[in-house]
N, C-alpha and C. Protein backbone atom coordinates (compact mmCIF):
# COMPACT_ATOMS: atom_id res chain seq x y z
N UNK A 1 -17.47 48.71 278.53
CA UNK A 1 -17.05 47.64 277.67
C UNK A 1 -18.49 46.72 277.26
N UNK A 2 -18.53 46.74 276.00
CA UNK A 2 -19.43 45.99 275.21
C UNK A 2 -19.32 44.12 275.16
N UNK A 3 -19.81 43.58 275.44
CA UNK A 3 -19.96 42.10 275.54
C UNK A 3 -19.61 41.47 274.52
N UNK A 4 -18.57 40.45 274.54
CA UNK A 4 -18.49 39.87 273.10
C UNK A 4 -19.67 38.66 272.58
N UNK A 5 -19.51 38.99 271.44
CA UNK A 5 -20.74 38.02 270.57
C UNK A 5 -20.00 36.73 270.85
N UNK A 6 -21.03 35.70 270.69
CA UNK A 6 -20.61 33.79 271.02
C UNK A 6 -20.85 33.32 269.24
N UNK A 7 -20.04 32.92 268.90
CA UNK A 7 -20.10 32.13 267.30
C UNK A 7 -20.23 30.54 267.68
N UNK A 8 -21.80 30.47 266.71
CA UNK A 8 -21.67 29.07 266.81
C UNK A 8 -20.84 28.17 265.69
N UNK A 9 -20.34 27.02 265.90
CA UNK A 9 -19.12 26.73 265.41
C UNK A 9 -19.75 25.33 264.66
N UNK A 10 -21.18 24.87 265.13
CA UNK A 10 -21.79 24.03 264.86
C UNK A 10 -21.74 22.02 266.12
N UNK A 11 -22.24 21.30 265.88
CA UNK A 11 -22.56 20.61 266.74
C UNK A 11 -22.23 20.67 267.95
N UNK A 12 -23.14 21.90 268.68
CA UNK A 12 -23.04 22.78 270.31
C UNK A 12 -21.67 23.07 270.53
N UNK A 13 -21.26 23.42 270.09
CA UNK A 13 -19.76 24.39 269.82
C UNK A 13 -19.62 26.00 270.06
N UNK A 14 -19.54 26.78 270.40
CA UNK A 14 -19.42 27.93 270.72
C UNK A 14 -18.37 28.46 270.69
N UNK A 15 -17.82 29.52 270.26
CA UNK A 15 -16.36 30.51 270.59
C UNK A 15 -16.63 32.12 270.75
N UNK A 16 -16.06 32.52 271.77
CA UNK A 16 -16.60 34.38 271.45
C UNK A 16 -15.50 34.76 270.39
N UNK A 17 -16.49 35.58 269.60
CA UNK A 17 -16.04 36.32 268.37
C UNK A 17 -14.75 36.84 268.65
N UNK A 18 -14.49 37.57 269.43
CA UNK A 18 -13.14 38.42 270.14
C UNK A 18 -11.36 37.42 270.53
N UNK A 19 -11.76 35.74 270.25
CA UNK A 19 -10.97 35.06 270.33
C UNK A 19 -10.44 34.21 269.06
N UNK A 20 -11.37 33.98 268.37
CA UNK A 20 -11.40 33.41 266.96
C UNK A 20 -9.96 34.24 266.40
N UNK A 21 -9.11 33.97 265.84
CA UNK A 21 -8.04 34.47 265.13
C UNK A 21 -7.62 33.98 263.83
N UNK A 22 -8.13 32.41 263.45
CA UNK A 22 -7.97 32.24 262.00
C UNK A 22 -8.76 31.40 261.89
N UNK A 23 -9.26 31.25 260.27
CA UNK A 23 -10.21 30.11 259.84
C UNK A 23 -9.46 29.72 258.69
N UNK A 24 -9.29 28.12 258.92
CA UNK A 24 -8.79 27.22 257.53
C UNK A 24 -9.48 26.56 257.31
N UNK A 25 -9.85 26.51 255.89
CA UNK A 25 -10.74 25.77 254.92
C UNK A 25 -10.04 24.01 254.94
N UNK A 26 -10.54 22.97 255.11
CA UNK A 26 -10.07 21.66 255.47
C UNK A 26 -10.74 21.48 253.52
N UNK A 27 -9.97 20.66 252.68
CA UNK A 27 -9.99 20.46 251.42
C UNK A 27 -9.22 18.90 251.65
N UNK A 28 -10.10 18.37 250.69
CA UNK A 28 -9.29 16.89 250.25
C UNK A 28 -9.87 15.87 250.76
N UNK A 29 -9.21 14.80 250.94
CA UNK A 29 -9.90 14.01 251.55
C UNK A 29 -10.25 13.67 253.47
N UNK A 30 -9.37 14.80 253.63
CA UNK A 30 -9.67 15.21 255.37
C UNK A 30 -10.85 15.75 255.90
N UNK A 31 -11.37 16.43 254.31
CA UNK A 31 -13.00 17.06 254.78
C UNK A 31 -14.22 16.44 254.89
N UNK A 32 -14.10 15.33 254.49
CA UNK A 32 -15.49 13.98 254.80
C UNK A 32 -16.35 14.75 253.80
N UNK A 33 -18.00 14.79 254.69
CA UNK A 33 -18.92 15.20 254.18
C UNK A 33 -19.36 16.38 254.49
N UNK A 34 -19.98 17.10 253.71
CA UNK A 34 -20.20 18.79 253.89
C UNK A 34 -18.79 19.93 253.83
N UNK A 35 -19.13 21.12 254.48
CA UNK A 35 -18.17 21.87 254.51
C UNK A 35 -17.43 21.76 255.90
N UNK A 36 -16.13 21.78 255.73
CA UNK A 36 -15.76 22.08 256.96
C UNK A 36 -14.49 23.03 257.25
N UNK A 37 -14.82 23.74 258.52
CA UNK A 37 -13.14 24.64 258.57
C UNK A 37 -12.72 24.42 259.83
N UNK A 38 -11.22 24.45 259.73
CA UNK A 38 -10.41 24.33 261.61
C UNK A 38 -10.90 25.65 261.42
N UNK A 39 -11.08 25.96 263.06
CA UNK A 39 -11.02 27.00 263.46
C UNK A 39 -10.22 27.56 264.79
N UNK A 40 -9.08 28.38 264.94
CA UNK A 40 -7.91 28.42 265.17
C UNK A 40 -8.49 29.59 266.97
N UNK A 41 -8.92 29.37 267.71
CA UNK A 41 -9.25 29.98 268.89
C UNK A 41 -8.30 29.94 270.06
N UNK A 42 -7.77 31.63 270.52
CA UNK A 42 -6.69 32.00 271.56
C UNK A 42 -7.00 31.11 272.49
N UNK A 43 -6.01 30.47 273.27
CA UNK A 43 -6.08 30.06 274.20
C UNK A 43 -6.20 28.24 274.37
N UNK A 44 -6.69 27.71 273.18
CA UNK A 44 -6.97 26.53 272.99
C UNK A 44 -5.91 25.83 271.80
N UNK A 45 -5.14 25.02 272.56
CA UNK A 45 -3.73 24.16 271.77
C UNK A 45 -4.30 23.68 270.44
N UNK A 46 -5.24 23.27 270.21
CA UNK A 46 -5.87 22.18 269.06
C UNK A 46 -6.84 22.88 268.09
N UNK A 47 -6.96 23.20 266.87
CA UNK A 47 -8.34 23.84 266.21
C UNK A 47 -9.05 23.21 266.53
N UNK A 48 -10.56 23.63 266.60
CA UNK A 48 -11.61 23.22 266.94
C UNK A 48 -12.27 23.17 265.21
N UNK A 49 -12.83 21.82 264.98
CA UNK A 49 -13.88 21.34 263.33
C UNK A 49 -14.84 21.69 263.94
């Protein structure tokens, strides 16, 4: 079995690539400065920004 790759999410956050199941762009006033995306990870109740 191959090892799962770790994906850097920014600001010291990492997630296993095989556990990420959705990416949701943040648009409008909630976005703030720069590009932001909510990352939905299996086993984590809230999205990681």
